[in-house]
Amino acid sequence: MKISIEYCMQWNYEPKAFSLKESIKRQFGIEAELIEGSGGVFEVNFNNSLIFSKKESGRFPNENEVEDLIEYYESVT
């Protein structure tokens, strides 16, 4: 399982990305890759497939939303 979190450095989304990375590590025992980006992005990829995009949804993920998505996509792959 490969998880990456791309976050905007310009808007200082790094704390949110780091918090999500830690939550994923606690719940799944997996190190998510943090990728510096720009333009207001906050995107989460699971096995190279986009599962959450702030740019598309217009918001940050809710608490445990990404973790629930990971569980879902893990179960169907």
Protein backbone atom coordinates (compact mmCIF):
# COMPACT_ATOMS: atom_id res chain seq x y z
CA MET A 1 0.00 0.00 0.00
CA LYS A 2 1.41 3.38 -1.02
CA ILE A 3 -0.05 6.62 0.31
CA SER A 4 1.07 10.13 -0.56
CA ILE A 5 -0.13 13.51 0.63
CA GLU A 6 0.60 16.53 -1.55
CA TYR A 7 0.19 19.82 0.30
CA CYS A 8 0.64 23.50 -0.46
CA MET A 9 3.74 25.05 1.09
CA GLN A 10 2.63 28.57 0.11
CA TRP A 11 -0.51 28.36 2.28
CA ASN A 12 1.27 26.44 5.07
CA TYR A 13 -0.78 23.24 4.83
CA GLU A 14 2.21 21.27 6.13
CA PRO A 15 0.84 20.93 9.72
CA LYS A 16 -2.40 19.40 8.37
CA ALA A 17 -0.44 17.05 6.11
CA PHE A 18 1.87 16.00 8.95
CA SER A 19 -1.08 15.38 11.27
CA LEU A 20 -2.76 13.20 8.64
CA LYS A 21 0.50 11.34 8.04
CA GLU A 22 0.76 10.56 11.76
CA SER A 23 -2.86 9.40 11.91
CA ILE A 24 -2.30 7.06 8.96
CA LYS A 25 0.83 5.68 10.60
CA ARG A 26 -1.04 5.03 13.87
CA GLN A 27 -4.02 3.38 12.20
CA PHE A 28 -2.35 1.42 9.39
CA GLY A 29 1.34 1.23 10.34
CA ILE A 30 2.26 2.84 7.02
CA GLU A 31 4.49 5.84 6.34
CA ALA A 32 2.67 8.19 4.00
CA GLU A 33 4.91 10.23 1.71
CA LEU A 34 4.63 14.00 2.06
CA ILE A 35 5.02 15.94 -1.18
CA GLU A 36 5.49 19.70 -1.23
CA GLY A 37 3.20 21.43 -3.70
CA SER A 38 1.68 24.82 -4.42
CA GLY A 39 -1.54 26.42 -5.60
CA GLY A 40 -3.60 25.49 -2.55
CA VAL A 41 -3.41 21.73 -3.11
CA PHE A 42 -4.13 19.13 -0.46
CA GLU A 43 -4.42 15.80 -2.23
CA VAL A 44 -4.21 12.25 -0.99
CA ASN A 45 -3.29 9.36 -3.28
CA PHE A 46 -3.74 5.67 -2.49
CA ASN A 47 -1.69 3.35 -4.72
CA ASN A 48 -1.32 6.19 -7.24
CA SER A 49 -5.08 6.90 -7.38
CA LEU A 50 -6.48 10.19 -6.12
CA ILE A 51 -8.87 9.52 -3.21
CA PHE A 52 -9.21 13.04 -1.79
CA SER A 53 -8.67 16.47 -3.34
CA LYS A 54 -9.19 19.79 -1.59
CA LYS A 55 -9.09 21.41 -5.01
CA GLU A 56 -12.02 19.29 -6.24
CA SER A 57 -14.06 19.31 -3.01
CA GLY A 58 -13.30 22.89 -1.95
CA ARG A 59 -12.51 21.80 1.61
CA PHE A 60 -10.09 19.91 3.80
CA PRO A 61 -11.00 16.34 4.74
CA ASN A 62 -13.17 15.83 7.80
CA GLU A 63 -11.77 13.97 10.79
CA ASN A 64 -11.12 10.32 9.84
CA GLU A 65 -12.46 10.86 6.31
CA VAL A 66 -9.19 9.95 4.62
CA GLU A 67 -8.63 6.99 6.93
CA ASP A 68 -12.13 5.70 6.07
CA LEU A 69 -11.38 6.13 2.36
CA ILE A 70 -8.13 4.20 2.76
CA GLU A 71 -9.98 1.35 4.50
CA TYR A 72 -12.55 1.32 1.69
CA TYR A 73 -10.03 1.31 -1.14
CA GLU A 74 -7.88 -1.25 0.65
CA SER A 75 -10.87 -3.60 0.89
CA VAL A 76 -11.82 -3.33 -2.79
CA THR A 77 -8.33 -3.75 -4.26
